[in-house]
Amino acid sequence: MEKKGSFHDVVVPDLAKIFNQPYTLHCNELRHGGATYELSWPYAKDFYSIHFTGTEQYGYLDWHTWAVGVEYANGKPVIYALMNFFWEP
């Protein structure tokens, strides 16, 4: 579903939510808890994925993964892409 708004109002709350739960960090691997769609990283560059496995209460269908593409510009890391993956019926 399309969302409109500022980065701070739309993206930051979802990022804060995943970082405030037990998560695992992976390099160049999209972890997920099952999906009705194909998860893929569309860029040729490296990325990290932050994965929350979900809860037993919801049959682990409340899993959530953020993929973050990071590259270096002038010796400093910069984010070049953010992708959000989650279970959809």
PDB file of N, CA and C in Angstrom:
ATOM      1  N   MET A   1       0.843  -1.166   0.000  1.00  0.00           N
ATOM      2  CA  MET A   1       0.000   0.000   0.000  1.00  0.00           C
ATOM      3  C   MET A   1       0.898   1.242   0.000  1.00  0.00           C
ATOM      4  N   GLU A   2       0.582   2.173  -0.841  1.00  0.00           N
ATOM      5  CA  GLU A   2       1.368   3.390  -0.955  1.00  0.00           C
ATOM      6  C   GLU A   2       1.201   4.251   0.292  1.00  0.00           C
ATOM      7  N   LYS A   3       2.318   4.792   0.750  1.00  0.00           N
ATOM      8  CA  LYS A   3       2.299   5.719   1.879  1.00  0.00           C
ATOM      9  C   LYS A   3       2.894   7.029   1.429  1.00  0.00           C
ATOM     10  N   LYS A   4       2.375   8.115   1.947  1.00  0.00           N
ATOM     11  CA  LYS A   4       2.911   9.434   1.643  1.00  0.00           C
ATOM     12  C   LYS A   4       3.243  10.134   2.940  1.00  0.00           C
ATOM     13  N   GLY A   5       4.317  10.895   2.913  1.00  0.00           N
ATOM     14  CA  GLY A   5       4.723  11.652   4.080  1.00  0.00           C
ATOM     15  C   GLY A   5       6.227  11.803   4.102  1.00  0.00           C
ATOM     16  N   SER A   6       6.700  12.447   5.121  1.00  0.00           N
ATOM     17  CA  SER A   6       8.137  12.680   5.240  1.00  0.00           C
ATOM     18  C   SER A   6       8.842  11.389   5.674  1.00  0.00           C
ATOM     19  N   PHE A   7      10.128  11.334   5.420  1.00  0.00           N
ATOM     20  CA  PHE A   7      10.950  10.201   5.845  1.00  0.00           C
ATOM     21  C   PHE A   7      10.787   9.989   7.353  1.00  0.00           C
ATOM     22  N   HIS A   8      10.842  11.073   8.092  1.00  0.00           N
ATOM     23  CA  HIS A   8      10.728  10.996   9.551  1.00  0.00           C
ATOM     24  C   HIS A   8       9.380  10.451  10.000  1.00  0.00           C
ATOM     25  N   ASP A   9       8.318  10.795   9.317  1.00  0.00           N
ATOM     26  CA  ASP A   9       6.981  10.357   9.719  1.00  0.00           C
ATOM     27  C   ASP A   9       6.613   8.961   9.221  1.00  0.00           C
ATOM     28  N   VAL A  10       7.171   8.548   8.090  1.00  0.00           N
ATOM     29  CA  VAL A  10       6.773   7.278   7.485  1.00  0.00           C
ATOM     30  C   VAL A  10       7.800   6.170   7.727  1.00  0.00           C
ATOM     31  N   VAL A  11       9.074   6.453   7.492  1.00  0.00           N
ATOM     32  CA  VAL A  11      10.108   5.408   7.539  1.00  0.00           C
ATOM     33  C   VAL A  11      10.701   5.235   8.936  1.00  0.00           C
ATOM     34  N   VAL A  12      11.038   6.316   9.584  1.00  0.00           N
ATOM     35  CA  VAL A  12      11.709   6.240  10.881  1.00  0.00           C
ATOM     36  C   VAL A  12      10.930   5.414  11.915  1.00  0.00           C
ATOM     37  N   PRO A  13       9.612   5.539  12.037  1.00  0.00           N
ATOM     38  CA  PRO A  13       8.909   4.709  13.027  1.00  0.00           C
ATOM     39  C   PRO A  13       9.069   3.199  12.771  1.00  0.00           C
ATOM     40  N   ASP A  14       9.048   2.774  11.502  1.00  0.00           N
ATOM     41  CA  ASP A  14       9.247   1.348  11.199  1.00  0.00           C
ATOM     42  C   ASP A  14      10.670   0.906  11.498  1.00  0.00           C
ATOM     43  N   LEU A  15      11.650   1.744  11.204  1.00  0.00           N
ATOM     44  CA  LEU A  15      13.034   1.402  11.530  1.00  0.00           C
ATOM     45  C   LEU A  15      13.232   1.328  13.042  1.00  0.00           C
ATOM     46  N   ALA A  16      12.668   2.288  13.757  1.00  0.00           N
ATOM     47  CA  ALA A  16      12.793   2.283  15.222  1.00  0.00           C
ATOM     48  C   ALA A  16      12.149   1.030  15.806  1.00  0.00           C
ATOM     49  N   LYS A  17      11.026   0.618  15.245  1.00  0.00           N
ATOM     50  CA  LYS A  17      10.332  -0.572  15.739  1.00  0.00           C
ATOM     51  C   LYS A  17      11.200  -1.814  15.618  1.00  0.00           C
ATOM     52  N   ILE A  18      11.848  -2.014  14.462  1.00  0.00           N
ATOM     53  CA  ILE A  18      12.657  -3.221  14.289  1.00  0.00           C
ATOM     54  C   ILE A  18      13.902  -3.198  15.175  1.00  0.00           C
ATOM     55  N   PHE A  19      14.495  -2.027  15.377  1.00  0.00           N
ATOM     56  CA  PHE A  19      15.684  -1.943  16.221  1.00  0.00           C
ATOM     57  C   PHE A  19      15.351  -2.039  17.709  1.00  0.00           C
ATOM     58  N   ASN A  20      14.080  -1.929  18.076  1.00  0.00           N
ATOM     59  CA  ASN A  20      13.666  -2.061  19.477  1.00  0.00           C
ATOM     60  C   ASN A  20      13.124  -3.448  19.787  1.00  0.00           C
ATOM     61  N   GLN A  21      13.380  -4.409  18.907  1.00  0.00           N
ATOM     62  CA  GLN A  21      12.989  -5.813  19.107  1.00  0.00           C
ATOM     63  C   GLN A  21      14.238  -6.676  18.931  1.00  0.00           C
ATOM     64  N   PRO A  22      14.185  -7.920  19.343  1.00  0.00           N
ATOM     65  CA  PRO A  22      15.324  -8.799  19.074  1.00  0.00           C
ATOM     66  C   PRO A  22      15.424  -9.046  17.563  1.00  0.00           C
ATOM     67  N   TYR A  23      16.534  -8.688  16.971  1.00  0.00           N
ATOM     68  CA  TYR A  23      16.714  -8.856  15.532  1.00  0.00           C
ATOM     69  C   TYR A  23      18.051  -9.525  15.250  1.00  0.00           C
ATOM     70  N   THR A  24      18.216 -10.003  14.028  1.00  0.00           N
ATOM     71  CA  THR A  24      19.500 -10.520  13.587  1.00  0.00           C
ATOM     72  C   THR A  24      19.957  -9.691  12.403  1.00  0.00           C
ATOM     73  N   LEU A  25      21.253  -9.541  12.269  1.00  0.00           N
ATOM     74  CA  LEU A  25      21.846  -8.749  11.202  1.00  0.00           C
ATOM     75  C   LEU A  25      22.559  -9.691  10.244  1.00  0.00           C
ATOM     76  N   HIS A  26      22.334  -9.519   8.948  1.00  0.00           N
ATOM     77  CA  HIS A  26      22.911 -10.398   7.930  1.00  0.00           C
ATOM     78  C   HIS A  26      23.510  -9.559   6.809  1.00  0.00           C
ATOM     79  N   CYS A  27      24.537 -10.086   6.195  1.00  0.00           N
ATOM     80  CA  CYS A  27      25.194  -9.406   5.091  1.00  0.00           C
ATOM     81  C   CYS A  27      24.862 -10.126   3.786  1.00  0.00           C
ATOM     82  N   ASN A  28      24.304  -9.387   2.837  1.00  0.00           N
ATOM     83  CA  ASN A  28      23.974  -9.906   1.504  1.00  0.00           C
ATOM     84  C   ASN A  28      23.059 -11.125   1.535  1.00  0.00           C
ATOM     85  N   GLU A  29      22.156 -11.162   2.504  1.00  0.00           N
ATOM     86  CA  GLU A  29      21.201 -12.263   2.627  1.00  0.00           C
ATOM     87  C   GLU A  29      19.867 -11.709   3.122  1.00  0.00           C
ATOM     88  N   LEU A  30      18.803 -12.005   2.397  1.00  0.00           N
ATOM     89  CA  LEU A  30      17.469 -11.577   2.811  1.00  0.00           C
ATOM     90  C   LEU A  30      16.810 -12.694   3.601  1.00  0.00           C
ATOM     91  N   ARG A  31      16.749 -12.549   4.904  1.00  0.00           N
ATOM     92  CA  ARG A  31      16.061 -13.516   5.753  1.00  0.00           C
ATOM     93  C   ARG A  31      14.591 -13.141   5.814  1.00  0.00           C
ATOM     94  N   HIS A  32      13.735 -14.152   5.903  1.00  0.00           N
ATOM     95  CA  HIS A  32      12.311 -13.889   6.030  1.00  0.00           C
ATOM     96  C   HIS A  32      11.638 -15.079   6.691  1.00  0.00           C
ATOM     97  N   GLY A  33      10.410 -14.884   7.092  1.00  0.00           N
ATOM     98  CA  GLY A  33       9.669 -15.921   7.775  1.00  0.00           C
ATOM     99  C   GLY A  33       8.618 -16.566   6.899  1.00  0.00           C
ATOM    100  N   GLY A  34       8.766 -16.446   5.624  1.00  0.00           N
ATOM    101  CA  GLY A  34       7.781 -16.966   4.689  1.00  0.00           C
ATOM    102  C   GLY A  34       7.091 -15.809   4.001  1.00  0.00           C
ATOM    103  N   ALA A  35       6.920 -15.927   2.707  1.00  0.00           N
ATOM    104  CA  ALA A  35       6.313 -14.833   1.963  1.00  0.00           C
ATOM    105  C   ALA A  35       5.514 -15.371   0.788  1.00  0.00           C
ATOM    106  N   THR A  36       4.531 -14.626   0.394  1.00  0.00           N
ATOM    107  CA  THR A  36       3.725 -14.990  -0.764  1.00  0.00           C
ATOM    108  C   THR A  36       4.279 -14.332  -2.021  1.00  0.00           C
ATOM    109  N   TYR A  37       5.433 -13.728  -1.908  1.00  0.00           N
ATOM    110  CA  TYR A  37       6.090 -13.057  -3.023  1.00  0.00           C
ATOM    111  C   TYR A  37       7.587 -13.366  -2.975  1.00  0.00           C
ATOM    112  N   GLU A  38       8.280 -13.124  -4.075  1.00  0.00           N
ATOM    113  CA  GLU A  38       9.715 -13.386  -4.154  1.00  0.00           C
ATOM    114  C   GLU A  38      10.488 -12.210  -3.564  1.00  0.00           C
ATOM    115  N   LEU A  39      11.311 -12.498  -2.574  1.00  0.00           N
ATOM    116  CA  LEU A  39      12.157 -11.462  -1.999  1.00  0.00           C
ATOM    117  C   LEU A  39      13.444 -11.397  -2.803  1.00  0.00           C
ATOM    118  N   SER A  40      13.804 -10.213  -3.236  1.00  0.00           N
ATOM    119  CA  SER A  40      15.062 -10.078  -3.970  1.00  0.00           C
ATOM    120  C   SER A  40      15.629  -8.680  -3.768  1.00  0.00           C
ATOM    121  N   TRP A  41      16.947  -8.594  -3.849  1.00  0.00           N
ATOM    122  CA  TRP A  41      17.661  -7.328  -3.758  1.00  0.00           C
ATOM    123  C   TRP A  41      18.005  -6.920  -5.186  1.00  0.00           C
ATOM    124  N   PRO A  42      17.463  -5.834  -5.694  1.00  0.00           N
ATOM    125  CA  PRO A  42      17.598  -5.503  -7.113  1.00  0.00           C
ATOM    126  C   PRO A  42      18.901  -4.805  -7.507  1.00  0.00           C
ATOM    127  N   TYR A  43      19.809  -4.628  -6.564  1.00  0.00           N
ATOM    128  CA  TYR A  43      21.043  -3.897  -6.856  1.00  0.00           C
ATOM    129  C   TYR A  43      22.232  -4.851  -6.861  1.00  0.00           C
ATOM    130  N   ALA A  44      23.274  -4.497  -7.593  1.00  0.00           N
ATOM    131  CA  ALA A  44      24.473  -5.338  -7.676  1.00  0.00           C
ATOM    132  C   ALA A  44      25.422  -5.095  -6.503  1.00  0.00           C
ATOM    133  N   LYS A  45      25.124  -4.125  -5.689  1.00  0.00           N
ATOM    134  CA  LYS A  45      26.000  -3.769  -4.571  1.00  0.00           C
ATOM    135  C   LYS A  45      25.615  -4.520  -3.297  1.00  0.00           C
ATOM    136  N   ASP A  46      26.508  -4.479  -2.321  1.00  0.00           N
ATOM    137  CA  ASP A  46      26.293  -5.151  -1.037  1.00  0.00           C
ATOM    138  C   ASP A  46      25.197  -4.472  -0.227  1.00  0.00           C
ATOM    139  N   PHE A  47      24.640  -5.258   0.711  1.00  0.00           N
ATOM    140  CA  PHE A  47      23.603  -4.727   1.594  1.00  0.00           C
ATOM    141  C   PHE A  47      23.612  -5.489   2.908  1.00  0.00           C
ATOM    142  N   TYR A  48      22.977  -4.910   3.892  1.00  0.00           N
ATOM    143  CA  TYR A  48      22.721  -5.558   5.175  1.00  0.00           C
ATOM    144  C   TYR A  48      21.225  -5.797   5.278  1.00  0.00           C
ATOM    145  N   SER A  49      20.845  -6.851   5.978  1.00  0.00           N
ATOM    146  CA  SER A  49      19.428  -7.015   6.285  1.00  0.00           C
ATOM    147  C   SER A  49      19.268  -7.147   7.790  1.00  0.00           C
ATOM    148  N   ILE A  50      18.263  -6.474   8.295  1.00  0.00           N
ATOM    149  CA  ILE A  50      17.911  -6.502   9.715  1.00  0.00           C
ATOM    150  C   ILE A  50      16.601  -7.265   9.783  1.00  0.00           C
ATOM    151  N   HIS A  51      16.641  -8.429  10.451  1.00  0.00           N
ATOM    152  CA  HIS A  51      15.487  -9.332  10.412  1.00  0.00           C
ATOM    153  C   HIS A  51      14.936  -9.596  11.811  1.00  0.00           C
ATOM    154  N   PHE A  52      13.640  -9.378  11.954  1.00  0.00           N
ATOM    155  CA  PHE A  52      12.892  -9.749  13.159  1.00  0.00           C
ATOM    156  C   PHE A  52      12.088 -10.990  12.790  1.00  0.00           C
ATOM    157  N   THR A  53      12.266 -12.075  13.532  1.00  0.00           N
ATOM    158  CA  THR A  53      11.661 -13.357  13.161  1.00  0.00           C
ATOM    159  C   THR A  53      10.165 -13.439  13.391  1.00  0.00           C
ATOM    160  N   GLY A  54       9.613 -12.507  14.128  1.00  0.00           N
ATOM    161  CA  GLY A  54       8.197 -12.576  14.443  1.00  0.00           C
ATOM    162  C   GLY A  54       7.982 -13.207  15.808  1.00  0.00           C
ATOM    163  N   THR A  55       6.721 -13.364  16.171  1.00  0.00           N
ATOM    164  CA  THR A  55       6.398 -13.890  17.496  1.00  0.00           C
ATOM    165  C   THR A  55       5.566 -15.164  17.384  1.00  0.00           C
ATOM    166  N   GLU A  56       5.721 -16.000  18.372  1.00  0.00           N
ATOM    167  CA  GLU A  56       4.951 -17.246  18.427  1.00  0.00           C
ATOM    168  C   GLU A  56       3.451 -16.947  18.471  1.00  0.00           C
ATOM    169  N   GLN A  57       3.091 -15.880  19.167  1.00  0.00           N
ATOM    170  CA  GLN A  57       1.689 -15.482  19.306  1.00  0.00           C
ATOM    171  C   GLN A  57       0.987 -15.372  17.945  1.00  0.00           C
ATOM    172  N   TYR A  58       1.696 -14.915  16.933  1.00  0.00           N
ATOM    173  CA  TYR A  58       1.114 -14.729  15.600  1.00  0.00           C
ATOM    174  C   TYR A  58       1.636 -15.748  14.585  1.00  0.00           C
ATOM    175  N   GLY A  59       2.124 -16.869  15.084  1.00  0.00           N
ATOM    176  CA  GLY A  59       2.620 -17.924  14.200  1.00  0.00           C
ATOM    177  C   GLY A  59       3.825 -17.478  13.393  1.00  0.00           C
ATOM    178  N   TYR A  60       4.566 -16.523  13.899  1.00  0.00           N
ATOM    179  CA  TYR A  60       5.753 -15.955  13.256  1.00  0.00           C
ATOM    180  C   TYR A  60       5.440 -15.271  11.926  1.00  0.00           C
ATOM    181  N   LEU A  61       4.170 -14.975  11.691  1.00  0.00           N
ATOM    182  CA  LEU A  61       3.792 -14.273  10.471  1.00  0.00           C
ATOM    183  C   LEU A  61       3.987 -12.762  10.601  1.00  0.00           C
ATOM    184  N   ASP A  62       4.348 -12.299  11.779  1.00  0.00           N
ATOM    185  CA  ASP A  62       4.614 -10.882  11.965  1.00  0.00           C
ATOM    186  C   ASP A  62       6.108 -10.563  11.799  1.00  0.00           C
ATOM    187  N   TRP A  63       6.802 -11.427  11.017  1.00  0.00           N
ATOM    188  CA  TRP A  63       8.215 -11.179  10.726  1.00  0.00           C
ATOM    189  C   TRP A  63       8.351  -9.877   9.938  1.00  0.00           C
ATOM    190  N   HIS A  64       9.548  -9.335   9.968  1.00  0.00           N
ATOM    191  CA  HIS A  64       9.797  -8.045   9.330  1.00  0.00           C
ATOM    192  C   HIS A  64      11.282  -7.971   8.982  1.00  0.00           C
ATOM    193  N   THR A  65      11.617  -7.529   7.800  1.00  0.00           N
ATOM    194  CA  THR A  65      13.013  -7.374   7.396  1.00  0.00           C
ATOM    195  C   THR A  65      13.204  -6.038   6.691  1.00  0.00           C
ATOM    196  N   TRP A  66      14.237  -5.321   7.100  1.00  0.00           N
ATOM    197  CA  TRP A  66      14.675  -4.124   6.389  1.00  0.00           C
ATOM    198  C   TRP A  66      15.999  -4.455   5.720  1.00  0.00           C
ATOM    199  N   ALA A  67      16.128  -4.151   4.444  1.00  0.00           N
ATOM    200  CA  ALA A  67      17.394  -4.295   3.732  1.00  0.00           C
ATOM    201  C   ALA A  67      17.953  -2.888   3.522  1.00  0.00           C
ATOM    202  N   VAL A  68      19.243  -2.743   3.814  1.00  0.00           N
ATOM    203  CA  VAL A  68      19.881  -1.426   3.759  1.00  0.00           C
ATOM    204  C   VAL A  68      21.136  -1.520   2.898  1.00  0.00           C
ATOM    205  N   GLY A  69      21.120  -0.825   1.786  1.00  0.00           N
ATOM    206  CA  GLY A  69      22.298  -0.764   0.929  1.00  0.00           C
ATOM    207  C   GLY A  69      23.216   0.337   1.407  1.00  0.00           C
ATOM    208  N   VAL A  70      24.482  -0.019   1.631  1.00  0.00           N
ATOM    209  CA  VAL A  70      25.459   0.943   2.125  1.00  0.00           C
ATOM    210  C   VAL A  70      26.661   0.947   1.188  1.00  0.00           C
ATOM    211  N   GLU A  71      27.110   2.127   0.823  1.00  0.00           N
ATOM    212  CA  GLU A  71      28.341   2.264   0.057  1.00  0.00           C
ATOM    213  C   GLU A  71      29.148   3.391   0.681  1.00  0.00           C
ATOM    214  N   TYR A  72      30.385   3.530   0.247  1.00  0.00           N
ATOM    215  CA  TYR A  72      31.255   4.556   0.820  1.00  0.00           C
ATOM    216  C   TYR A  72      31.500   5.663  -0.189  1.00  0.00           C
ATOM    217  N   ALA A  73      31.351   6.888   0.266  1.00  0.00           N
ATOM    218  CA  ALA A  73      31.631   8.073  -0.534  1.00  0.00           C
ATOM    219  C   ALA A  73      32.601   8.939   0.256  1.00  0.00           C
ATOM    220  N   ASN A  74      33.737   9.194  -0.313  1.00  0.00           N
ATOM    221  CA  ASN A  74      34.785   9.968   0.371  1.00  0.00           C
ATOM    222  C   ASN A  74      35.137   9.359   1.721  1.00  0.00           C
ATOM    223  N   GLY A  75      35.151   8.023   1.780  1.00  0.00           N
ATOM    224  CA  GLY A  75      35.536   7.329   3.002  1.00  0.00           C
ATOM    225  C   GLY A  75      34.462   7.270   4.068  1.00  0.00           C
ATOM    226  N   LYS A  76      33.255   7.737   3.758  1.00  0.00           N
ATOM    227  CA  LYS A  76      32.162   7.732   4.745  1.00  0.00           C
ATOM    228  C   LYS A  76      31.024   6.858   4.237  1.00  0.00           C
ATOM    229  N   PRO A  77      30.411   6.063   5.130  1.00  0.00           N
ATOM    230  CA  PRO A  77      29.290   5.227   4.692  1.00  0.00           C
ATOM    231  C   PRO A  77      28.045   6.060   4.433  1.00  0.00           C
ATOM    232  N   VAL A  78      27.369   5.741   3.339  1.00  0.00           N
ATOM    233  CA  VAL A  78      26.104   6.390   3.009  1.00  0.00           C
ATOM    234  C   VAL A  78      25.102   5.310   2.599  1.00  0.00           C
ATOM    235  N   ILE A  79      23.850   5.555   2.896  1.00  0.00           N
ATOM    236  CA  ILE A  79      22.782   4.627   2.512  1.00  0.00           C
ATOM    237  C   ILE A  79      22.367   4.963   1.084  1.00  0.00           C
ATOM    238  N   TYR A  80      22.384   3.950   0.201  1.00  0.00           N
ATOM    239  CA  TYR A  80      21.941   4.190  -1.167  1.00  0.00           C
ATOM    240  C   TYR A  80      20.575   3.577  -1.439  1.00  0.00           C
ATOM    241  N   ALA A  81      20.098   2.689  -0.561  1.00  0.00           N
ATOM    242  CA  ALA A  81      18.774   2.092  -0.772  1.00  0.00           C
ATOM    243  C   ALA A  81      18.243   1.520   0.534  1.00  0.00           C
ATOM    244  N   LEU A  82      16.938   1.585   0.707  1.00  0.00           N
ATOM    245  CA  LEU A  82      16.230   0.965   1.824  1.00  0.00           C
ATOM    246  C   LEU A  82      15.046   0.197   1.253  1.00  0.00           C
ATOM    247  N   MET A  83      14.887  -1.052   1.679  1.00  0.00           N
ATOM    248  CA  MET A  83      13.732  -1.839   1.256  1.00  0.00           C
ATOM    249  C   MET A  83      13.125  -2.513   2.474  1.00  0.00           C
ATOM    250  N   ASN A  84      11.815  -2.555   2.512  1.00  0.00           N
ATOM    251  CA  ASN A  84      11.069  -3.103   3.633  1.00  0.00           C
ATOM    252  C   ASN A  84      10.324  -4.354   3.164  1.00  0.00           C
ATOM    253  N   PHE A  85      10.520  -5.468   3.864  1.00  0.00           N
ATOM    254  CA  PHE A  85       9.845  -6.717   3.528  1.00  0.00           C
ATOM    255  C   PHE A  85       9.069  -7.197   4.751  1.00  0.00           C
ATOM    256  N   PHE A  86       7.870  -7.757   4.516  1.00  0.00           N
ATOM    257  CA  PHE A  86       7.058  -8.281   5.610  1.00  0.00           C
ATOM    258  C   PHE A  86       6.036  -9.241   5.015  1.00  0.00           C
ATOM    259  N   TRP A  87       5.413 -10.032   5.881  1.00  0.00           N
ATOM    260  CA  TRP A  87       4.432 -11.002   5.427  1.00  0.00           C
ATOM    261  C   TRP A  87       3.180 -10.289   4.936  1.00  0.00           C
ATOM    262  N   GLU A  88       2.671 -10.765   3.815  1.00  0.00           N
ATOM    263  CA  GLU A  88       1.396 -10.273   3.279  1.00  0.00           C
ATOM    264  C   GLU A  88       0.536 -11.463   2.923  1.00  0.00           C
ATOM    265  N   PRO A  89      -0.745 -11.420   3.257  1.00  0.00           N
ATOM    266  CA  PRO A  89      -1.607 -12.550   2.920  1.00  0.00           C
ATOM    267  C   PRO A  89      -1.870 -12.655   1.419  1.00  0.00           C
TER     268      PRO A  89
END
